[in-house]
Every structure is written in structure tokens, then in C-alpha cells.
Amino acid sequence: MNALEYRRTHVLLAAAIALLAVACSDRPAPHEGTEETEESEQLPERVELGAEAAEALGITLAAAEFRNLAPALDIAAELSPVPDRQATIGPRVAGRVLRVFVNVGDAVAVGAPLLSLESAEVGDAHADLLAAEARTAVARRAAE
């Protein structure tokens, strides 16, 4: 097969694929004798219903009048959350927050950690505990 025949085969194959794609498209065929224009796509500005049609649709007519729809009261009030749904927390010692484990509005189980706190007071208390445990161990050895 020479280059000319090779090219003609590819052109015919491409044309066949294009025709097949157009024939298999989902686009509906236009209706015969109808032309879509801008006028046919516009909705009417006014719709008129007869008395029977309005009654069948449950539409009632009444004259416009002024009336109070609901009484309104201006009252000074304070909103407070439900007591068992929210808690105010605060640290027992001074310190610096290292990491926060929850976000505002998260549900939290009792005893779950909320944040990690670095505190000099806690560090001193921990050092005192270790020293007391060491003294206790020495005293126990001496008593034996």
C-alpha cells in the first residue's frame, strides 16, 4: 500500500467514525414544521384564569386590608445554654497551651483531654513527687 492509499484509508475511516458519532448522539431530532425562535421560548407576562379554574385550583380572592399578623413584644432577655450541654473550663494552674485537641462545638466525652498545657508549677510538683519517692525508697532500704 502506497502513501496515497494509506492516507485515503485514514480519511475514509475518520469520516466513518464522525458519521457514526453523529448518528449515535443523544440529541433529539427537531420536529418537522417547527422552528424555534426567541418568541416561542418566552413565557407570557400575564395568565388569566376563569372562576371555575381558580376554584378547581383552590385559589380564593379577597380585598386587600391592613391587619396585625402577630403581636410583637420587645422584651429584654438573656440567652443561656442548656446546663448539661455546655461547660466552662479553666486550668487549675498557670501555664502555656501547647496543643488543642478539640474545636469549638465538638462533642467531648467525660475525661477526654481538651488540650496540652505546659506549666512551671506542674513541673515543680512533679520534681517534688520524684524526690519524695526517692526519699521513700531510701528510707525503706534503711528500715530493712
N, C-alpha and C. Protein backbone atom coordinates (compact mmCIF):
# COMPACT_ATOMS: atom_id res chain seq x y z
N MET A 1 0.86 -1.17 0.00
CA MET A 1 0.00 0.00 0.00
C MET A 1 0.91 1.23 0.00
N ASN A 2 0.66 2.12 -0.96
CA ASN A 2 1.49 3.32 -1.03
C ASN A 2 0.94 4.42 -0.13
N ALA A 3 1.64 5.53 -0.04
CA ALA A 3 1.28 6.61 0.87
C ALA A 3 -0.07 7.22 0.54
N LEU A 4 -0.41 7.33 -0.73
CA LEU A 4 -1.70 7.91 -1.13
C LEU A 4 -2.86 7.03 -0.69
N GLU A 5 -2.75 5.74 -0.90
CA GLU A 5 -3.81 4.81 -0.47
C GLU A 5 -3.91 4.78 1.05
N TYR A 6 -2.79 4.83 1.73
CA TYR A 6 -2.75 4.85 3.19
C TYR A 6 -3.48 6.08 3.74
N ARG A 7 -3.21 7.25 3.14
CA ARG A 7 -3.85 8.49 3.57
C ARG A 7 -5.35 8.44 3.28
N ARG A 8 -5.76 7.94 2.10
CA ARG A 8 -7.18 7.86 1.73
C ARG A 8 -7.92 6.93 2.70
N THR A 9 -7.30 5.84 3.11
CA THR A 9 -7.92 4.91 4.06
C THR A 9 -8.15 5.59 5.40
N HIS A 10 -7.19 6.35 5.86
CA HIS A 10 -7.35 7.06 7.14
C HIS A 10 -8.43 8.13 7.06
N VAL A 11 -8.50 8.84 5.94
CA VAL A 11 -9.52 9.89 5.79
C VAL A 11 -10.90 9.25 5.77
N LEU A 12 -11.09 8.16 5.03
CA LEU A 12 -12.38 7.48 4.98
C LEU A 12 -12.75 6.90 6.35
N LEU A 13 -11.79 6.35 7.07
CA LEU A 13 -12.04 5.81 8.40
C LEU A 13 -12.46 6.93 9.37
N ALA A 14 -11.79 8.08 9.30
CA ALA A 14 -12.15 9.21 10.16
C ALA A 14 -13.53 9.73 9.85
N ALA A 15 -13.89 9.80 8.56
CA ALA A 15 -15.22 10.26 8.17
C ALA A 15 -16.29 9.28 8.65
N ALA A 16 -16.02 7.98 8.57
CA ALA A 16 -16.98 6.98 9.03
C ALA A 16 -17.20 7.09 10.53
N ILE A 17 -16.13 7.30 11.28
CA ILE A 17 -16.24 7.45 12.74
C ILE A 17 -17.03 8.70 13.09
N ALA A 18 -16.81 9.80 12.37
CA ALA A 18 -17.54 11.04 12.63
C ALA A 18 -19.02 10.86 12.35
N LEU A 19 -19.36 10.22 11.24
CA LEU A 19 -20.78 9.98 10.92
C LEU A 19 -21.42 9.07 11.95
N LEU A 20 -20.72 8.07 12.42
CA LEU A 20 -21.25 7.16 13.43
C LEU A 20 -21.48 7.91 14.74
N ALA A 21 -20.58 8.79 15.11
CA ALA A 21 -20.73 9.56 16.35
C ALA A 21 -21.94 10.48 16.27
N VAL A 22 -22.17 11.11 15.13
CA VAL A 22 -23.32 11.99 14.97
C VAL A 22 -24.61 11.18 15.00
N ALA A 23 -24.62 10.04 14.37
CA ALA A 23 -25.82 9.21 14.32
C ALA A 23 -26.18 8.65 15.68
N CYS A 24 -25.20 8.42 16.55
CA CYS A 24 -25.46 7.83 17.86
C CYS A 24 -25.60 8.86 18.98
N SER A 25 -25.64 10.14 18.65
CA SER A 25 -25.73 11.16 19.70
C SER A 25 -27.10 11.13 20.35
N ASP A 26 -27.18 11.66 21.59
CA ASP A 26 -28.43 11.69 22.36
C ASP A 26 -29.31 12.87 22.02
N ARG A 27 -28.89 13.73 21.18
CA ARG A 27 -29.65 14.94 20.86
C ARG A 27 -30.90 14.56 20.06
N PRO A 28 -32.09 14.97 20.53
CA PRO A 28 -33.30 14.62 19.82
C PRO A 28 -33.39 15.35 18.49
N ALA A 29 -34.02 14.71 17.54
CA ALA A 29 -34.21 15.32 16.22
C ALA A 29 -35.24 16.42 16.32
N PRO A 30 -35.08 17.52 15.57
CA PRO A 30 -36.07 18.59 15.62
C PRO A 30 -37.39 18.12 14.99
N HIS A 31 -38.49 18.66 15.52
CA HIS A 31 -39.82 18.31 14.99
C HIS A 31 -39.98 18.94 13.63
N GLU A 32 -40.62 18.22 12.75
CA GLU A 32 -40.83 18.74 11.40
C GLU A 32 -41.84 19.88 11.43
N GLY A 33 -41.59 20.91 10.68
CA GLY A 33 -42.53 22.01 10.56
C GLY A 33 -42.49 23.01 11.69
N THR A 34 -41.58 22.85 12.63
CA THR A 34 -41.48 23.82 13.74
C THR A 34 -40.11 24.45 13.72
N GLU A 35 -40.10 25.70 14.00
CA GLU A 35 -38.84 26.42 14.12
C GLU A 35 -38.80 27.06 15.49
N GLU A 36 -37.70 26.91 16.20
CA GLU A 36 -37.58 27.53 17.50
C GLU A 36 -37.10 28.97 17.32
N THR A 37 -37.85 29.88 17.87
CA THR A 37 -37.49 31.29 17.81
C THR A 37 -37.47 31.83 19.22
N GLU A 38 -37.01 33.05 19.35
CA GLU A 38 -36.98 33.68 20.66
C GLU A 38 -38.39 33.88 21.20
N GLU A 39 -39.35 34.14 20.32
CA GLU A 39 -40.72 34.37 20.75
C GLU A 39 -41.33 33.12 21.35
N SER A 40 -41.03 31.94 20.80
CA SER A 40 -41.64 30.71 21.31
C SER A 40 -41.05 30.32 22.66
N GLU A 41 -39.87 30.79 23.02
CA GLU A 41 -39.24 30.46 24.29
C GLU A 41 -39.66 31.40 25.42
N GLN A 42 -40.28 32.54 25.12
CA GLN A 42 -40.67 33.50 26.14
C GLN A 42 -41.96 33.06 26.80
N LEU A 43 -42.04 33.30 28.10
CA LEU A 43 -43.26 32.99 28.85
C LEU A 43 -44.20 34.19 28.78
N PRO A 44 -45.49 33.93 28.87
CA PRO A 44 -46.43 35.05 28.84
C PRO A 44 -46.27 35.92 30.09
N GLU A 45 -46.53 37.21 29.94
CA GLU A 45 -46.41 38.13 31.06
C GLU A 45 -47.63 38.07 31.96
N ARG A 46 -48.74 37.58 31.45
CA ARG A 46 -49.98 37.58 32.22
C ARG A 46 -50.72 36.27 31.97
N VAL A 47 -51.26 35.71 33.05
CA VAL A 47 -52.05 34.49 32.95
C VAL A 47 -53.42 34.80 33.51
N GLU A 48 -54.45 34.46 32.76
CA GLU A 48 -55.81 34.70 33.22
C GLU A 48 -56.50 33.37 33.48
N LEU A 49 -57.16 33.30 34.64
CA LEU A 49 -57.92 32.10 35.00
C LEU A 49 -59.39 32.47 35.15
N GLY A 50 -60.23 31.60 34.69
CA GLY A 50 -61.66 31.80 34.90
C GLY A 50 -62.03 31.40 36.31
N ALA A 51 -63.26 31.69 36.71
CA ALA A 51 -63.73 31.39 38.06
C ALA A 51 -63.68 29.89 38.33
N GLU A 52 -64.04 29.08 37.36
CA GLU A 52 -64.05 27.62 37.54
C GLU A 52 -62.62 27.09 37.74
N ALA A 53 -61.68 27.58 36.94
CA ALA A 53 -60.29 27.13 37.06
C ALA A 53 -59.70 27.55 38.40
N ALA A 54 -59.99 28.78 38.85
CA ALA A 54 -59.48 29.26 40.13
C ALA A 54 -60.04 28.42 41.27
N GLU A 55 -61.31 28.08 41.20
CA GLU A 55 -61.96 27.26 42.24
C GLU A 55 -61.36 25.85 42.24
N ALA A 56 -61.11 25.30 41.06
CA ALA A 56 -60.53 23.96 40.97
C ALA A 56 -59.12 23.92 41.55
N LEU A 57 -58.39 25.02 41.44
CA LEU A 57 -57.02 25.08 41.97
C LEU A 57 -56.98 25.50 43.44
N GLY A 58 -58.12 25.83 44.01
CA GLY A 58 -58.17 26.24 45.42
C GLY A 58 -57.73 27.66 45.65
N ILE A 59 -57.85 28.51 44.64
CA ILE A 59 -57.44 29.91 44.75
C ILE A 59 -58.65 30.72 45.18
N THR A 60 -58.49 31.49 46.25
CA THR A 60 -59.57 32.37 46.69
C THR A 60 -59.11 33.81 46.58
N LEU A 61 -60.03 34.70 46.36
CA LEU A 61 -59.75 36.12 46.21
C LEU A 61 -60.34 36.87 47.39
N ALA A 62 -59.64 37.92 47.82
CA ALA A 62 -60.13 38.77 48.90
C ALA A 62 -59.57 40.16 48.67
N ALA A 63 -60.27 41.13 49.19
CA ALA A 63 -59.81 42.51 49.08
C ALA A 63 -58.63 42.72 50.02
N ALA A 64 -57.68 43.53 49.60
CA ALA A 64 -56.52 43.82 50.43
C ALA A 64 -56.93 44.65 51.63
N GLU A 65 -56.39 44.34 52.79
CA GLU A 65 -56.71 45.08 54.01
C GLU A 65 -55.51 45.07 54.94
N PHE A 66 -55.47 46.06 55.84
CA PHE A 66 -54.42 46.13 56.85
C PHE A 66 -54.86 45.32 58.05
N ARG A 67 -53.96 44.48 58.58
CA ARG A 67 -54.23 43.79 59.84
C ARG A 67 -52.92 43.36 60.48
N ASN A 68 -52.96 43.20 61.79
CA ASN A 68 -51.79 42.72 62.53
C ASN A 68 -51.72 41.21 62.36
N LEU A 69 -50.60 40.74 61.86
CA LEU A 69 -50.45 39.31 61.65
C LEU A 69 -50.14 38.58 62.95
N ALA A 70 -49.31 39.16 63.77
CA ALA A 70 -48.97 38.54 65.06
C ALA A 70 -48.56 39.65 66.00
N PRO A 71 -48.92 39.53 67.27
CA PRO A 71 -48.50 40.57 68.21
C PRO A 71 -46.98 40.53 68.39
N ALA A 72 -46.37 41.69 68.53
CA ALA A 72 -44.93 41.77 68.71
C ALA A 72 -44.64 42.41 70.06
N LEU A 73 -43.71 41.84 70.78
CA LEU A 73 -43.30 42.37 72.08
C LEU A 73 -41.80 42.57 72.07
N ASP A 74 -41.35 43.72 72.58
CA ASP A 74 -39.93 43.95 72.77
C ASP A 74 -39.61 43.67 74.22
N ILE A 75 -38.81 42.64 74.45
CA ILE A 75 -38.51 42.21 75.81
C ILE A 75 -36.99 42.07 75.94
N ALA A 76 -36.45 42.63 77.01
CA ALA A 76 -35.04 42.43 77.30
C ALA A 76 -34.87 41.02 77.85
N ALA A 77 -33.92 40.27 77.31
CA ALA A 77 -33.74 38.89 77.74
C ALA A 77 -32.28 38.51 77.69
N GLU A 78 -31.96 37.42 78.36
CA GLU A 78 -30.62 36.87 78.33
C GLU A 78 -30.72 35.41 77.93
N LEU A 79 -29.97 35.03 76.91
CA LEU A 79 -29.97 33.64 76.46
C LEU A 79 -28.89 32.88 77.21
N SER A 80 -29.23 31.70 77.66
CA SER A 80 -28.23 30.87 78.33
C SER A 80 -28.34 29.44 77.79
N PRO A 81 -27.23 28.76 77.69
CA PRO A 81 -27.25 27.40 77.15
C PRO A 81 -27.88 26.42 78.12
N VAL A 82 -28.27 25.28 77.58
CA VAL A 82 -28.78 24.21 78.43
C VAL A 82 -27.63 23.77 79.33
N PRO A 83 -27.85 23.72 80.65
CA PRO A 83 -26.73 23.47 81.57
C PRO A 83 -25.95 22.18 81.31
N ASP A 84 -26.62 21.10 80.90
CA ASP A 84 -25.90 19.85 80.72
C ASP A 84 -25.32 19.69 79.31
N ARG A 85 -25.36 20.73 78.50
CA ARG A 85 -24.83 20.66 77.14
C ARG A 85 -23.55 21.46 76.94
N GLN A 86 -23.18 22.27 77.92
CA GLN A 86 -22.02 23.12 77.77
C GLN A 86 -21.36 23.30 79.13
N ALA A 87 -20.06 23.43 79.13
CA ALA A 87 -19.34 23.62 80.40
C ALA A 87 -18.29 24.69 80.22
N THR A 88 -18.07 25.44 81.28
CA THR A 88 -17.00 26.43 81.30
C THR A 88 -15.81 25.76 81.98
N ILE A 89 -14.66 25.83 81.33
CA ILE A 89 -13.48 25.19 81.88
C ILE A 89 -12.38 26.21 82.10
N GLY A 90 -11.46 25.86 82.94
CA GLY A 90 -10.30 26.71 83.18
C GLY A 90 -9.22 25.87 83.83
N PRO A 91 -7.97 26.22 83.61
CA PRO A 91 -6.89 25.43 84.21
C PRO A 91 -6.78 25.71 85.71
N ARG A 92 -6.29 24.74 86.45
CA ARG A 92 -6.09 24.91 87.89
C ARG A 92 -4.74 25.56 88.19
N VAL A 93 -3.88 25.57 87.16
CA VAL A 93 -2.55 26.16 87.32
C VAL A 93 -2.27 27.07 86.13
N ALA A 94 -1.35 28.01 86.33
CA ALA A 94 -0.94 28.89 85.24
C ALA A 94 -0.03 28.11 84.30
N GLY A 95 -0.11 28.43 83.02
CA GLY A 95 0.74 27.72 82.08
C GLY A 95 0.52 28.21 80.66
N ARG A 96 1.15 27.51 79.73
CA ARG A 96 1.07 27.85 78.31
C ARG A 96 0.45 26.67 77.58
N VAL A 97 -0.53 26.96 76.69
CA VAL A 97 -1.19 25.91 75.90
C VAL A 97 -0.24 25.48 74.79
N LEU A 98 0.07 24.19 74.76
CA LEU A 98 0.96 23.64 73.74
C LEU A 98 0.17 23.13 72.54
N ARG A 99 -0.98 22.48 72.80
CA ARG A 99 -1.76 21.87 71.73
C ARG A 99 -3.22 21.78 72.15
N VAL A 100 -4.14 22.07 71.22
CA VAL A 100 -5.57 21.96 71.47
C VAL A 100 -6.08 20.74 70.72
N PHE A 101 -6.81 19.84 71.40
CA PHE A 101 -7.26 18.59 70.81
C PHE A 101 -8.70 18.65 70.28
N VAL A 102 -9.48 19.66 70.63
CA VAL A 102 -10.88 19.76 70.20
C VAL A 102 -11.14 21.15 69.64
N ASN A 103 -12.24 21.27 68.89
CA ASN A 103 -12.66 22.55 68.33
C ASN A 103 -13.93 23.01 69.01
N VAL A 104 -14.26 24.27 68.87
CA VAL A 104 -15.49 24.82 69.43
C VAL A 104 -16.67 24.07 68.82
N GLY A 105 -17.58 23.62 69.64
CA GLY A 105 -18.77 22.93 69.16
C GLY A 105 -18.63 21.42 69.08
N ASP A 106 -17.41 20.88 69.27
CA ASP A 106 -17.22 19.43 69.26
C ASP A 106 -17.86 18.80 70.49
N ALA A 107 -18.42 17.61 70.31
CA ALA A 107 -18.90 16.84 71.45
C ALA A 107 -17.68 16.21 72.12
N VAL A 108 -17.64 16.30 73.45
CA VAL A 108 -16.49 15.80 74.20
C VAL A 108 -16.97 14.85 75.27
N ALA A 109 -16.33 13.70 75.37
CA ALA A 109 -16.67 12.72 76.40
C ALA A 109 -16.05 13.14 77.73
N VAL A 110 -16.64 12.68 78.81
CA VAL A 110 -16.12 12.99 80.14
C VAL A 110 -14.73 12.37 80.25
N GLY A 111 -13.78 13.17 80.71
CA GLY A 111 -12.42 12.69 80.91
C GLY A 111 -11.53 12.79 79.68
N ALA A 112 -12.07 13.17 78.53
CA ALA A 112 -11.27 13.28 77.31
C ALA A 112 -10.36 14.50 77.41
N PRO A 113 -9.11 14.39 76.94
CA PRO A 113 -8.21 15.55 77.02
C PRO A 113 -8.65 16.64 76.04
N LEU A 114 -8.62 17.88 76.47
CA LEU A 114 -9.00 19.02 75.65
C LEU A 114 -7.79 19.73 75.08
N LEU A 115 -6.72 19.80 75.91
CA LEU A 115 -5.52 20.50 75.47
C LEU A 115 -4.32 20.00 76.25
N SER A 116 -3.16 20.35 75.75
CA SER A 116 -1.90 20.03 76.44
C SER A 116 -1.36 21.34 76.99
N LEU A 117 -1.02 21.34 78.29
CA LEU A 117 -0.61 22.55 78.98
C LEU A 117 0.81 22.38 79.53
N GLU A 118 1.65 23.38 79.32
CA GLU A 118 2.99 23.39 79.89
C GLU A 118 2.98 24.37 81.06
N SER A 119 3.34 23.86 82.25
CA SER A 119 3.26 24.71 83.44
C SER A 119 4.49 24.51 84.32
N ALA A 120 5.05 25.61 84.76
CA ALA A 120 6.20 25.55 85.68
C ALA A 120 5.75 24.96 87.01
N GLU A 121 4.54 25.29 87.45
CA GLU A 121 4.01 24.77 88.71
C GLU A 121 3.90 23.25 88.67
N VAL A 122 3.39 22.73 87.56
CA VAL A 122 3.25 21.29 87.43
C VAL A 122 4.62 20.64 87.37
N GLY A 123 5.56 21.26 86.66
CA GLY A 123 6.93 20.75 86.61
C GLY A 123 7.57 20.67 87.98
N ASP A 124 7.38 21.73 88.77
CA ASP A 124 7.93 21.75 90.15
C ASP A 124 7.27 20.66 91.00
N ALA A 125 5.95 20.50 90.86
CA ALA A 125 5.23 19.49 91.64
C ALA A 125 5.70 18.09 91.25
N HIS A 126 5.95 17.88 89.96
CA HIS A 126 6.42 16.58 89.50
C HIS A 126 7.82 16.30 90.04
N ALA A 127 8.68 17.30 90.04
CA ALA A 127 10.03 17.14 90.61
C ALA A 127 9.96 16.84 92.10
N ASP A 128 9.06 17.52 92.82
CA ASP A 128 8.88 17.25 94.25
C ASP A 128 8.41 15.82 94.47
N LEU A 129 7.50 15.33 93.60
CA LEU A 129 7.00 13.96 93.72
C LEU A 129 8.13 12.95 93.54
N LEU A 130 8.95 13.16 92.50
CA LEU A 130 10.07 12.24 92.25
C LEU A 130 11.05 12.24 93.42
N ALA A 131 11.31 13.41 93.98
CA ALA A 131 12.23 13.50 95.13
C ALA A 131 11.64 12.77 96.34
N ALA A 132 10.34 12.94 96.57
CA ALA A 132 9.69 12.27 97.70
C ALA A 132 9.71 10.76 97.52
N GLU A 133 9.48 10.28 96.29
CA GLU A 133 9.52 8.84 96.02
C GLU A 133 10.93 8.29 96.25
N ALA A 134 11.95 9.07 95.86
CA ALA A 134 13.34 8.64 96.07
C ALA A 134 13.66 8.57 97.57
N ARG A 135 13.21 9.56 98.34
CA ARG A 135 13.44 9.55 99.79
C ARG A 135 12.73 8.37 100.44
N THR A 136 11.52 8.06 99.94
CA THR A 136 10.76 6.92 100.48
C THR A 136 11.50 5.62 100.20
N ALA A 137 12.04 5.48 98.99
CA ALA A 137 12.78 4.25 98.66
C ALA A 137 14.02 4.11 99.52
N VAL A 138 14.74 5.22 99.78
CA VAL A 138 15.93 5.18 100.64
C VAL A 138 15.54 4.82 102.06
N ALA A 139 14.44 5.39 102.55
CA ALA A 139 14.00 5.11 103.93
C ALA A 139 13.59 3.65 104.07
N ARG A 140 12.95 3.08 103.06
CA ARG A 140 12.54 1.67 103.12
C ARG A 140 13.77 0.75 103.15
N ARG A 141 14.80 1.08 102.36
CA ARG A 141 16.02 0.27 102.35
C ARG A 141 16.73 0.35 103.71
N ALA A 142 16.71 1.54 104.26
CA ALA A 142 17.38 1.72 105.57
C ALA A 142 16.63 0.98 106.67
N ALA A 143 15.31 0.88 106.55
CA ALA A 143 14.49 0.21 107.57
C ALA A 143 14.64 -1.30 107.47
N GLU A 144 15.05 -1.83 106.38
CA GLU A 144 15.18 -3.28 106.22
C GLU A 144 16.40 -3.79 106.83
